[in-house]
């Protein structure tokens, strides 16, 4: 599943990655996907929690070789 939008929040500490994801999901069409790249370890907790509260779904979480975490999030249809 490919992302419709990529948000690169590497180098920022939480809550910035989650805030950028929120803004991207607000602008995204229903059913679209947003990929978030973050390197703050707290994002592993914050992003799924935010997605659940926003009615979005975390489709995948992948550890990238450069220390980043890649989240693919689907906006509800």
PDB file of N, CA and C in Angstrom:
ATOM      1  N   UNK A   1       0.846  -1.173   0.000  1.00  0.00           N
ATOM      2  CA  UNK A   1       0.000   0.000   0.000  1.00  0.00           C
ATOM      3  C   UNK A   1       0.896   1.242   0.000  1.00  0.00           C
ATOM      4  N   UNK A   2       0.734   2.099  -0.935  1.00  0.00           N
ATOM      5  CA  UNK A   2       1.560   3.297  -1.054  1.00  0.00           C
ATOM      6  C   UNK A   2       0.921   4.459  -0.311  1.00  0.00           C
ATOM      7  N   UNK A   3       1.773   5.365   0.118  1.00  0.00           N
ATOM      8  CA  UNK A   3       1.260   6.554   0.793  1.00  0.00           C
ATOM      9  C   UNK A   3       0.824   7.587  -0.239  1.00  0.00           C
ATOM     10  N   UNK A   4      -0.156   8.394   0.146  1.00  0.00           N
ATOM     11  CA  UNK A   4      -0.597   9.509  -0.675  1.00  0.00           C
ATOM     12  C   UNK A   4       0.192  10.762  -0.316  1.00  0.00           C
ATOM     13  N   UNK A   5       0.749  10.762   0.881  1.00  0.00           N
ATOM     14  CA  UNK A   5       1.506  11.925   1.358  1.00  0.00           C
ATOM     15  C   UNK A   5       2.602  11.444   2.298  1.00  0.00           C
ATOM     16  N   UNK A   6       3.767  12.082   2.221  1.00  0.00           N
ATOM     17  CA  UNK A   6       4.901  11.738   3.079  1.00  0.00           C
ATOM     18  C   UNK A   6       5.203  12.925   3.985  1.00  0.00           C
ATOM     19  N   UNK A   7       5.284  12.659   5.290  1.00  0.00           N
ATOM     20  CA  UNK A   7       5.631  13.673   6.275  1.00  0.00           C
ATOM     21  C   UNK A   7       6.957  13.250   6.905  1.00  0.00           C
ATOM     22  N   UNK A   8       7.980  14.067   6.740  1.00  0.00           N
ATOM     23  CA  UNK A   8       9.289  13.769   7.309  1.00  0.00           C
ATOM     24  C   UNK A   8       9.471  14.616   8.568  1.00  0.00           C
ATOM     25  N   UNK A   9       9.317  13.993   9.714  1.00  0.00           N
ATOM     26  CA  UNK A   9       9.450  14.697  10.992  1.00  0.00           C
ATOM     27  C   UNK A   9      10.711  14.257  11.726  1.00  0.00           C
ATOM     28  N   UNK A  10      11.671  13.681  10.993  1.00  0.00           N
ATOM     29  CA  UNK A  10      12.928  13.293  11.632  1.00  0.00           C
ATOM     30  C   UNK A  10      13.628  14.545  12.153  1.00  0.00           C
ATOM     31  N   UNK A  11      14.244  14.400  13.320  1.00  0.00           N
ATOM     32  CA  UNK A  11      14.939  15.523  13.938  1.00  0.00           C
ATOM     33  C   UNK A  11      14.056  16.342  14.862  1.00  0.00           C
ATOM     34  N   UNK A  12      12.788  15.997  14.945  1.00  0.00           N
ATOM     35  CA  UNK A  12      11.858  16.709  15.829  1.00  0.00           C
ATOM     36  C   UNK A  12      11.413  15.778  16.952  1.00  0.00           C
ATOM     37  N   UNK A  13      11.241  16.333  18.107  1.00  0.00           N
ATOM     38  CA  UNK A  13      10.792  15.565  19.271  1.00  0.00           C
ATOM     39  C   UNK A  13       9.272  15.640  19.383  1.00  0.00           C
ATOM     40  N   UNK A  14       8.706  14.628  19.998  1.00  0.00           N
ATOM     41  CA  UNK A  14       7.266  14.615  20.226  1.00  0.00           C
ATOM     42  C   UNK A  14       6.914  15.801  21.109  1.00  0.00           C
ATOM     43  N   UNK A  15       5.817  16.442  20.830  1.00  0.00           N
ATOM     44  CA  UNK A  15       4.682  16.019  20.019  1.00  0.00           C
ATOM     45  C   UNK A  15       4.710  16.483  18.561  1.00  0.00           C
ATOM     46  N   UNK A  16       5.814  17.072  18.088  1.00  0.00           N
ATOM     47  CA  UNK A  16       5.845  17.624  16.735  1.00  0.00           C
ATOM     48  C   UNK A  16       5.484  16.582  15.664  1.00  0.00           C
ATOM     49  N   UNK A  17       6.055  15.359  15.674  1.00  0.00           N
ATOM     50  CA  UNK A  17       5.659  14.396  14.636  1.00  0.00           C
ATOM     51  C   UNK A  17       4.153  14.113  14.630  1.00  0.00           C
ATOM     52  N   UNK A  18       3.569  13.985  15.805  1.00  0.00           N
ATOM     53  CA  UNK A  18       2.135  13.715  15.895  1.00  0.00           C
ATOM     54  C   UNK A  18       1.320  14.915  15.420  1.00  0.00           C
ATOM     55  N   UNK A  19       1.763  16.109  15.734  1.00  0.00           N
ATOM     56  CA  UNK A  19       1.055  17.306  15.280  1.00  0.00           C
ATOM     57  C   UNK A  19       1.101  17.422  13.751  1.00  0.00           C
ATOM     58  N   UNK A  20       2.237  17.089  13.171  1.00  0.00           N
ATOM     59  CA  UNK A  20       2.336  17.115  11.707  1.00  0.00           C
ATOM     60  C   UNK A  20       1.450  16.044  11.077  1.00  0.00           C
ATOM     61  N   UNK A  21       1.389  14.878  11.710  1.00  0.00           N
ATOM     62  CA  UNK A  21       0.502  13.829  11.220  1.00  0.00           C
ATOM     63  C   UNK A  21      -0.950  14.285  11.300  1.00  0.00           C
ATOM     64  N   UNK A  22      -1.324  14.892  12.404  1.00  0.00           N
ATOM     65  CA  UNK A  22      -2.698  15.382  12.568  1.00  0.00           C
ATOM     66  C   UNK A  22      -3.061  16.366  11.456  1.00  0.00           C
ATOM     67  N   UNK A  23      -2.180  17.307  11.190  1.00  0.00           N
ATOM     68  CA  UNK A  23      -2.435  18.292  10.140  1.00  0.00           C
ATOM     69  C   UNK A  23      -2.578  17.610   8.775  1.00  0.00           C
ATOM     70  N   UNK A  24      -1.711  16.649   8.496  1.00  0.00           N
ATOM     71  CA  UNK A  24      -1.769  15.938   7.214  1.00  0.00           C
ATOM     72  C   UNK A  24      -3.060  15.140   7.080  1.00  0.00           C
ATOM     73  N   UNK A  25      -3.504  14.497   8.163  1.00  0.00           N
ATOM     74  CA  UNK A  25      -4.747  13.731   8.105  1.00  0.00           C
ATOM     75  C   UNK A  25      -5.953  14.648   7.949  1.00  0.00           C
ATOM     76  N   UNK A  26      -5.917  15.821   8.563  1.00  0.00           N
ATOM     77  CA  UNK A  26      -7.020  16.775   8.400  1.00  0.00           C
ATOM     78  C   UNK A  26      -7.160  17.202   6.946  1.00  0.00           C
ATOM     79  N   UNK A  27      -6.023  17.341   6.249  1.00  0.00           N
ATOM     80  CA  UNK A  27      -6.026  17.782   4.854  1.00  0.00           C
ATOM     81  C   UNK A  27      -6.245  16.633   3.871  1.00  0.00           C
ATOM     82  N   UNK A  28      -6.057  15.402   4.316  1.00  0.00           N
ATOM     83  CA  UNK A  28      -6.132  14.240   3.431  1.00  0.00           C
ATOM     84  C   UNK A  28      -7.579  13.870   3.112  1.00  0.00           C
ATOM     85  N   UNK A  29      -7.752  13.274   1.944  1.00  0.00           N
ATOM     86  CA  UNK A  29      -9.065  12.773   1.549  1.00  0.00           C
ATOM     87  C   UNK A  29      -9.388  11.513   2.348  1.00  0.00           C
ATOM     88  N   UNK A  30     -10.666  11.267   2.598  1.00  0.00           N
ATOM     89  CA  UNK A  30     -11.043  10.033   3.295  1.00  0.00           C
ATOM     90  C   UNK A  30     -10.509   8.799   2.559  1.00  0.00           C
ATOM     91  N   UNK A  31      -9.969   7.863   3.323  1.00  0.00           N
ATOM     92  CA  UNK A  31      -9.440   6.631   2.759  1.00  0.00           C
ATOM     93  C   UNK A  31      -8.009   6.728   2.267  1.00  0.00           C
ATOM     94  N   UNK A  32      -7.406   7.902   2.330  1.00  0.00           N
ATOM     95  CA  UNK A  32      -6.033   8.050   1.845  1.00  0.00           C
ATOM     96  C   UNK A  32      -5.036   7.645   2.932  1.00  0.00           C
ATOM     97  N   UNK A  33      -3.766   7.544   2.533  1.00  0.00           N
ATOM     98  CA  UNK A  33      -2.705   7.100   3.434  1.00  0.00           C
ATOM     99  C   UNK A  33      -1.646   8.180   3.582  1.00  0.00           C
ATOM    100  N   UNK A  34      -1.141   8.300   4.793  1.00  0.00           N
ATOM    101  CA  UNK A  34      -0.058   9.236   5.097  1.00  0.00           C
ATOM    102  C   UNK A  34       1.076   8.424   5.702  1.00  0.00           C
ATOM    103  N   UNK A  35       2.292   8.630   5.182  1.00  0.00           N
ATOM    104  CA  UNK A  35       3.467   7.997   5.782  1.00  0.00           C
ATOM    105  C   UNK A  35       4.208   9.059   6.590  1.00  0.00           C
ATOM    106  N   UNK A  36       4.481   8.728   7.829  1.00  0.00           N
ATOM    107  CA  UNK A  36       5.202   9.611   8.739  1.00  0.00           C
ATOM    108  C   UNK A  36       6.552   8.985   9.057  1.00  0.00           C
ATOM    109  N   UNK A  37       7.620   9.755   8.890  1.00  0.00           N
ATOM    110  CA  UNK A  37       8.953   9.341   9.307  1.00  0.00           C
ATOM    111  C   UNK A  37       9.321  10.125  10.552  1.00  0.00           C
ATOM    112  N   UNK A  38       9.706   9.428  11.602  1.00  0.00           N
ATOM    113  CA  UNK A  38      10.083  10.074  12.861  1.00  0.00           C
ATOM    114  C   UNK A  38      11.262   9.316  13.454  1.00  0.00           C
ATOM    115  N   UNK A  39      12.087  10.017  14.210  1.00  0.00           N
ATOM    116  CA  UNK A  39      13.201   9.334  14.871  1.00  0.00           C
ATOM    117  C   UNK A  39      13.180   9.512  16.394  1.00  0.00           C
ATOM    118  N   UNK A  40      12.125  10.090  16.916  1.00  0.00           N
ATOM    119  CA  UNK A  40      11.955  10.174  18.363  1.00  0.00           C
ATOM    120  C   UNK A  40      11.329   8.858  18.837  1.00  0.00           C
ATOM    121  N   UNK A  41      11.991   8.139  19.732  1.00  0.00           N
ATOM    122  CA  UNK A  41      11.441   6.855  20.197  1.00  0.00           C
ATOM    123  C   UNK A  41      10.034   6.969  20.783  1.00  0.00           C
ATOM    124  N   UNK A  42       9.668   8.126  21.337  1.00  0.00           N
ATOM    125  CA  UNK A  42       8.320   8.291  21.893  1.00  0.00           C
ATOM    126  C   UNK A  42       7.241   8.247  20.820  1.00  0.00           C
ATOM    127  N   UNK A  43       7.612   8.483  19.572  1.00  0.00           N
ATOM    128  CA  UNK A  43       6.629   8.425  18.483  1.00  0.00           C
ATOM    129  C   UNK A  43       6.016   7.038  18.382  1.00  0.00           C
ATOM    130  N   UNK A  44       6.778   6.013  18.746  1.00  0.00           N
ATOM    131  CA  UNK A  44       6.260   4.638  18.698  1.00  0.00           C
ATOM    132  C   UNK A  44       5.037   4.479  19.614  1.00  0.00           C
ATOM    133  N   UNK A  45       4.949   5.289  20.642  1.00  0.00           N
ATOM    134  CA  UNK A  45       3.801   5.270  21.554  1.00  0.00           C
ATOM    135  C   UNK A  45       2.768   6.313  21.130  1.00  0.00           C
ATOM    136  N   UNK A  46       3.244   7.534  20.844  1.00  0.00           N
ATOM    137  CA  UNK A  46       2.337   8.650  20.565  1.00  0.00           C
ATOM    138  C   UNK A  46       1.531   8.486  19.278  1.00  0.00           C
ATOM    139  N   UNK A  47       2.168   8.031  18.208  1.00  0.00           N
ATOM    140  CA  UNK A  47       1.481   7.963  16.916  1.00  0.00           C
ATOM    141  C   UNK A  47       0.318   6.966  16.950  1.00  0.00           C
ATOM    142  N   UNK A  48       0.509   5.720  17.393  1.00  0.00           N
ATOM    143  CA  UNK A  48      -0.646   4.807  17.442  1.00  0.00           C
ATOM    144  C   UNK A  48      -1.760   5.305  18.363  1.00  0.00           C
ATOM    145  N   UNK A  49      -1.379   5.926  19.485  1.00  0.00           N
ATOM    146  CA  UNK A  49      -2.387   6.452  20.407  1.00  0.00           C
ATOM    147  C   UNK A  49      -3.194   7.565  19.731  1.00  0.00           C
ATOM    148  N   UNK A  50      -2.494   8.493  19.075  1.00  0.00           N
ATOM    149  CA  UNK A  50      -3.184   9.565  18.370  1.00  0.00           C
ATOM    150  C   UNK A  50      -4.077   9.004  17.261  1.00  0.00           C
ATOM    151  N   UNK A  51      -3.548   8.081  16.471  1.00  0.00           N
ATOM    152  CA  UNK A  51      -4.318   7.528  15.353  1.00  0.00           C
ATOM    153  C   UNK A  51      -5.623   6.906  15.858  1.00  0.00           C
ATOM    154  N   UNK A  52      -5.547   6.153  16.923  1.00  0.00           N
ATOM    155  CA  UNK A  52      -6.752   5.527  17.474  1.00  0.00           C
ATOM    156  C   UNK A  52      -7.758   6.573  17.925  1.00  0.00           C
ATOM    157  N   UNK A  53      -7.282   7.637  18.556  1.00  0.00           N
ATOM    158  CA  UNK A  53      -8.197   8.667  19.032  1.00  0.00           C
ATOM    159  C   UNK A  53      -8.786   9.492  17.890  1.00  0.00           C
ATOM    160  N   UNK A  54      -8.087   9.531  16.743  1.00  0.00           N
ATOM    161  CA  UNK A  54      -8.554  10.302  15.583  1.00  0.00           C
ATOM    162  C   UNK A  54      -9.381   9.457  14.622  1.00  0.00           C
ATOM    163  N   UNK A  55      -9.558   8.170  14.932  1.00  0.00           N
ATOM    164  CA  UNK A  55     -10.314   7.301  14.046  1.00  0.00           C
ATOM    165  C   UNK A  55      -9.526   6.835  12.837  1.00  0.00           C
ATOM    166  N   UNK A  56      -8.212   7.008  12.870  1.00  0.00           N
ATOM    167  CA  UNK A  56      -7.338   6.540  11.787  1.00  0.00           C
ATOM    168  C   UNK A  56      -6.758   5.179  12.177  1.00  0.00           C
ATOM    169  N   UNK A  57      -6.155   4.504  11.203  1.00  0.00           N
ATOM    170  CA  UNK A  57      -5.591   3.183  11.435  1.00  0.00           C
ATOM    171  C   UNK A  57      -4.113   3.178  11.090  1.00  0.00           C
ATOM    172  N   UNK A  58      -3.290   2.675  11.996  1.00  0.00           N
ATOM    173  CA  UNK A  58      -1.879   2.486  11.688  1.00  0.00           C
ATOM    174  C   UNK A  58      -1.778   1.166  10.930  1.00  0.00           C
ATOM    175  N   UNK A  59      -1.448   1.250   9.649  1.00  0.00           N
ATOM    176  CA  UNK A  59      -1.389   0.077   8.784  1.00  0.00           C
ATOM    177  C   UNK A  59      -0.083  -0.674   8.996  1.00  0.00           C
ATOM    178  N   UNK A  60       1.019   0.067   9.165  1.00  0.00           N
ATOM    179  CA  UNK A  60       2.302  -0.596   9.409  1.00  0.00           C
ATOM    180  C   UNK A  60       3.242   0.340  10.160  1.00  0.00           C
ATOM    181  N   UNK A  61       4.138  -0.289  10.905  1.00  0.00           N
ATOM    182  CA  UNK A  61       5.228   0.408  11.581  1.00  0.00           C
ATOM    183  C   UNK A  61       6.487  -0.346  11.209  1.00  0.00           C
ATOM    184  N   UNK A  62       7.452   0.377  10.615  1.00  0.00           N
ATOM    185  CA  UNK A  62       8.680  -0.260  10.146  1.00  0.00           C
ATOM    186  C   UNK A  62       9.872   0.502  10.706  1.00  0.00           C
ATOM    187  N   UNK A  63      10.843  -0.235  11.240  1.00  0.00           N
ATOM    188  CA  UNK A  63      12.093   0.373  11.683  1.00  0.00           C
ATOM    189  C   UNK A  63      12.996   0.520  10.464  1.00  0.00           C
ATOM    190  N   UNK A  64      13.339   1.751  10.130  1.00  0.00           N
ATOM    191  CA  UNK A  64      14.217   2.012   9.000  1.00  0.00           C
ATOM    192  C   UNK A  64      15.665   1.834   9.447  1.00  0.00           C
ATOM    193  N   UNK A  65      16.566   1.501   8.523  1.00  0.00           N
ATOM    194  CA  UNK A  65      17.956   1.258   8.907  1.00  0.00           C
ATOM    195  C   UNK A  65      18.675   2.492   9.439  1.00  0.00           C
ATOM    196  N   UNK A  66      18.193   3.682   9.157  1.00  0.00           N
ATOM    197  CA  UNK A  66      18.858   4.908   9.607  1.00  0.00           C
ATOM    198  C   UNK A  66      18.390   5.362  10.985  1.00  0.00           C
ATOM    199  N   UNK A  67      17.663   4.525  11.697  1.00  0.00           N
ATOM    200  CA  UNK A  67      17.189   4.863  13.033  1.00  0.00           C
ATOM    201  C   UNK A  67      15.814   5.496  13.060  1.00  0.00           C
ATOM    202  N   UNK A  68      15.246   5.744  11.901  1.00  0.00           N
ATOM    203  CA  UNK A  68      13.905   6.325  11.834  1.00  0.00           C
ATOM    204  C   UNK A  68      12.844   5.235  11.980  1.00  0.00           C
ATOM    205  N   UNK A  69      11.669   5.666  12.319  1.00  0.00           N
ATOM    206  CA  UNK A  69      10.506   4.783  12.378  1.00  0.00           C
ATOM    207  C   UNK A  69       9.541   5.286  11.321  1.00  0.00           C
ATOM    208  N   UNK A  70       9.051   4.372  10.496  1.00  0.00           N
ATOM    209  CA  UNK A  70       8.131   4.712   9.426  1.00  0.00           C
ATOM    210  C   UNK A  70       6.733   4.205   9.801  1.00  0.00           C
ATOM    211  N   UNK A  71       5.779   5.127   9.836  1.00  0.00           N
ATOM    212  CA  UNK A  71       4.391   4.795  10.149  1.00  0.00           C
ATOM    213  C   UNK A  71       3.551   5.032   8.905  1.00  0.00           C
ATOM    214  N   UNK A  72       2.768   4.051   8.495  1.00  0.00           N
ATOM    215  CA  UNK A  72       1.808   4.242   7.428  1.00  0.00           C
ATOM    216  C   UNK A  72       0.433   4.292   8.095  1.00  0.00           C
ATOM    217  N   UNK A  73      -0.247   5.424   7.938  1.00  0.00           N
ATOM    218  CA  UNK A  73      -1.513   5.660   8.625  1.00  0.00           C
ATOM    219  C   UNK A  73      -2.606   5.885   7.596  1.00  0.00           C
ATOM    220  N   UNK A  74      -3.724   5.188   7.746  1.00  0.00           N
ATOM    221  CA  UNK A  74      -4.864   5.320   6.841  1.00  0.00           C
ATOM    222  C   UNK A  74      -5.939   6.162   7.507  1.00  0.00           C
ATOM    223  N   UNK A  75      -6.413   7.170   6.765  1.00  0.00           N
ATOM    224  CA  UNK A  75      -7.529   7.979   7.247  1.00  0.00           C
ATOM    225  C   UNK A  75      -8.807   7.188   7.011  1.00  0.00           C
ATOM    226  N   UNK A  76      -9.721   7.287   7.934  1.00  0.00           N
ATOM    227  CA  UNK A  76     -10.990   6.564   7.798  1.00  0.00           C
ATOM    228  C   UNK A  76     -11.712   6.991   6.528  1.00  0.00           C
ATOM    229  N   UNK A  77     -12.364   6.039   5.848  1.00  0.00           N
ATOM    230  CA  UNK A  77     -13.102   6.390   4.621  1.00  0.00           C
ATOM    231  C   UNK A  77     -14.320   7.256   4.903  1.00  0.00           C
TER     232      UNK A  77
END
